[in-house]
N, C-alpha and C. Protein backbone atom coordinates (compact mmCIF):
# COMPACT_ATOMS: atom_id res chain seq x y z
N MET A 1 8.57 13.46 -0.15
CA MET A 1 7.28 13.66 0.47
C MET A 1 6.34 12.56 -0.01
N ILE A 2 5.40 12.19 0.83
CA ILE A 2 4.52 11.10 0.47
C ILE A 2 3.05 11.45 0.68
N LEU A 3 2.23 10.75 -0.03
CA LEU A 3 0.79 10.71 0.22
C LEU A 3 0.52 9.27 0.59
N PHE A 4 -0.16 9.00 1.70
CA PHE A 4 -0.36 7.62 2.14
C PHE A 4 -1.77 7.44 2.64
N ASP A 5 -2.42 6.37 2.19
CA ASP A 5 -3.77 6.02 2.63
C ASP A 5 -3.68 4.70 3.40
N PRO A 6 -3.68 4.74 4.74
CA PRO A 6 -3.55 3.51 5.51
C PRO A 6 -4.66 2.51 5.24
N ALA A 7 -5.86 2.98 4.94
CA ALA A 7 -6.97 2.07 4.66
C ALA A 7 -6.71 1.23 3.41
N GLU A 8 -6.08 1.83 2.42
CA GLU A 8 -5.75 1.12 1.18
C GLU A 8 -4.41 0.41 1.27
N GLY A 9 -3.57 0.83 2.20
CA GLY A 9 -2.24 0.24 2.33
C GLY A 9 -1.32 0.61 1.18
N ALA A 10 -1.57 1.77 0.59
CA ALA A 10 -0.77 2.21 -0.56
C ALA A 10 -0.58 3.71 -0.51
N GLY A 11 0.39 4.17 -1.27
CA GLY A 11 0.64 5.60 -1.31
C GLY A 11 1.44 6.00 -2.52
N LEU A 12 1.77 7.28 -2.57
CA LEU A 12 2.58 7.84 -3.65
C LEU A 12 3.71 8.65 -3.04
N ILE A 13 4.87 8.56 -3.66
CA ILE A 13 6.01 9.36 -3.27
C ILE A 13 6.25 10.38 -4.36
N ALA A 14 6.43 11.62 -3.98
CA ALA A 14 6.74 12.69 -4.93
C ALA A 14 8.16 13.15 -4.63
N ALA A 15 9.07 12.90 -5.56
CA ALA A 15 10.46 13.29 -5.36
C ALA A 15 10.58 14.81 -5.39
N TYR A 16 11.49 15.36 -4.57
CA TYR A 16 11.72 16.80 -4.56
C TYR A 16 12.15 17.26 -5.95
N GLY A 17 11.56 18.33 -6.45
CA GLY A 17 11.94 18.88 -7.74
C GLY A 17 11.43 18.10 -8.94
N SER A 18 10.49 17.18 -8.73
CA SER A 18 9.98 16.37 -9.84
C SER A 18 8.46 16.32 -9.78
N ASP A 19 7.84 16.23 -10.94
CA ASP A 19 6.39 16.06 -11.00
C ASP A 19 5.99 14.60 -10.98
N GLU A 20 6.96 13.69 -11.04
CA GLU A 20 6.67 12.26 -11.08
C GLU A 20 6.21 11.76 -9.71
N ARG A 21 5.20 10.91 -9.71
CA ARG A 21 4.69 10.28 -8.50
C ARG A 21 4.97 8.79 -8.61
N VAL A 22 5.61 8.22 -7.60
CA VAL A 22 5.98 6.81 -7.61
C VAL A 22 5.13 6.07 -6.58
N PRO A 23 4.38 5.03 -6.99
CA PRO A 23 3.54 4.30 -6.05
C PRO A 23 4.36 3.37 -5.14
N PHE A 24 3.81 3.09 -3.96
CA PHE A 24 4.41 2.09 -3.07
C PHE A 24 3.32 1.41 -2.26
N GLN A 25 3.64 0.25 -1.72
CA GLN A 25 2.71 -0.51 -0.89
C GLN A 25 3.18 -0.46 0.56
N ALA A 26 2.27 -0.63 1.50
CA ALA A 26 2.61 -0.56 2.92
C ALA A 26 3.68 -1.58 3.31
N TRP A 27 3.70 -2.74 2.69
CA TRP A 27 4.69 -3.76 3.06
C TRP A 27 6.11 -3.38 2.65
N ASP A 28 6.27 -2.33 1.85
CA ASP A 28 7.60 -1.85 1.46
C ASP A 28 8.22 -0.89 2.47
N ILE A 29 7.47 -0.52 3.51
CA ILE A 29 7.98 0.39 4.54
C ILE A 29 8.95 -0.37 5.43
N ARG A 30 10.12 0.21 5.69
CA ARG A 30 11.17 -0.43 6.49
C ARG A 30 11.52 0.42 7.71
N PHE A 31 11.93 -0.24 8.79
CA PHE A 31 12.48 0.37 10.01
C PHE A 31 11.47 1.09 10.89
N VAL A 32 10.26 1.31 10.43
CA VAL A 32 9.20 1.89 11.25
C VAL A 32 7.91 1.14 10.93
N ASP A 33 6.92 1.25 11.82
CA ASP A 33 5.65 0.57 11.58
C ASP A 33 4.78 1.30 10.57
N ALA A 34 4.95 2.61 10.47
CA ALA A 34 4.09 3.40 9.58
C ALA A 34 4.81 4.68 9.17
N VAL A 35 4.31 5.29 8.14
CA VAL A 35 4.77 6.61 7.72
C VAL A 35 3.55 7.51 7.69
N THR A 36 3.78 8.81 7.78
CA THR A 36 2.67 9.75 7.76
C THR A 36 2.71 10.60 6.51
N GLU A 37 1.56 11.08 6.12
CA GLU A 37 1.46 11.92 4.93
C GLU A 37 2.32 13.17 5.11
N GLY A 38 3.11 13.47 4.10
CA GLY A 38 3.99 14.63 4.14
C GLY A 38 5.37 14.35 4.71
N GLN A 39 5.59 13.15 5.22
CA GLN A 39 6.88 12.80 5.83
C GLN A 39 7.95 12.59 4.75
N PRO A 40 9.12 13.19 4.89
CA PRO A 40 10.21 12.92 3.95
C PRO A 40 10.69 11.47 4.09
N VAL A 41 10.91 10.81 2.97
CA VAL A 41 11.36 9.42 2.97
C VAL A 41 12.50 9.21 1.97
N ILE A 42 13.21 8.12 2.17
CA ILE A 42 14.23 7.65 1.24
C ILE A 42 13.70 6.34 0.68
N TYR A 43 13.94 6.07 -0.59
CA TYR A 43 13.41 4.85 -1.19
C TYR A 43 14.25 4.41 -2.37
N ALA A 44 14.13 3.16 -2.71
CA ALA A 44 14.74 2.61 -3.93
C ALA A 44 13.62 2.41 -4.95
N ILE A 45 13.97 2.43 -6.23
CA ILE A 45 12.97 2.25 -7.29
C ILE A 45 13.17 0.91 -7.97
N GLU A 46 12.06 0.24 -8.21
CA GLU A 46 12.07 -1.01 -8.97
C GLU A 46 11.27 -0.77 -10.25
N ARG A 47 11.83 -1.13 -11.38
CA ARG A 47 11.13 -0.95 -12.66
C ARG A 47 10.59 -2.31 -13.10
N VAL A 48 9.28 -2.36 -13.34
CA VAL A 48 8.62 -3.56 -13.84
C VAL A 48 7.95 -3.17 -15.14
N ASP A 49 8.43 -3.72 -16.24
CA ASP A 49 7.96 -3.34 -17.57
C ASP A 49 8.11 -1.82 -17.71
N ALA A 50 7.03 -1.11 -18.01
CA ALA A 50 7.11 0.34 -18.19
C ALA A 50 6.79 1.09 -16.89
N ALA A 51 6.41 0.36 -15.85
CA ALA A 51 5.99 1.00 -14.59
C ALA A 51 7.13 1.04 -13.57
N LEU A 52 7.07 2.03 -12.71
CA LEU A 52 8.00 2.16 -11.58
C LEU A 52 7.23 1.95 -10.30
N ARG A 53 7.91 1.43 -9.28
CA ARG A 53 7.33 1.41 -7.94
C ARG A 53 8.45 1.57 -6.95
N ALA A 54 8.13 2.15 -5.82
CA ALA A 54 9.12 2.36 -4.76
C ALA A 54 9.19 1.11 -3.89
N VAL A 55 10.40 0.75 -3.52
CA VAL A 55 10.62 -0.37 -2.60
C VAL A 55 11.55 0.10 -1.50
N GLU A 56 11.54 -0.58 -0.37
CA GLU A 56 12.39 -0.22 0.76
C GLU A 56 12.22 1.25 1.15
N VAL A 57 10.98 1.64 1.39
CA VAL A 57 10.66 3.01 1.81
C VAL A 57 11.00 3.16 3.29
N ARG A 58 11.77 4.19 3.64
CA ARG A 58 12.16 4.41 5.03
C ARG A 58 12.19 5.90 5.33
N PRO A 59 12.02 6.29 6.59
CA PRO A 59 12.08 7.70 6.94
C PRO A 59 13.43 8.31 6.59
N ALA A 60 13.42 9.57 6.18
CA ALA A 60 14.67 10.26 5.84
C ALA A 60 15.38 10.73 7.09
């Protein structure tokens, strides 16, 4: 599930069964032009230093 703010071009992904929120940027969305808040997605995680971010976000 995601939270997405089109004005900011950023959002958060909340994995099922986890309290962790992973940030992502609009340019990481693949195969569709946009995603909507609450839409299930599949994504890969990139770790940079101590931070995580989602990459290759796509509809589930």
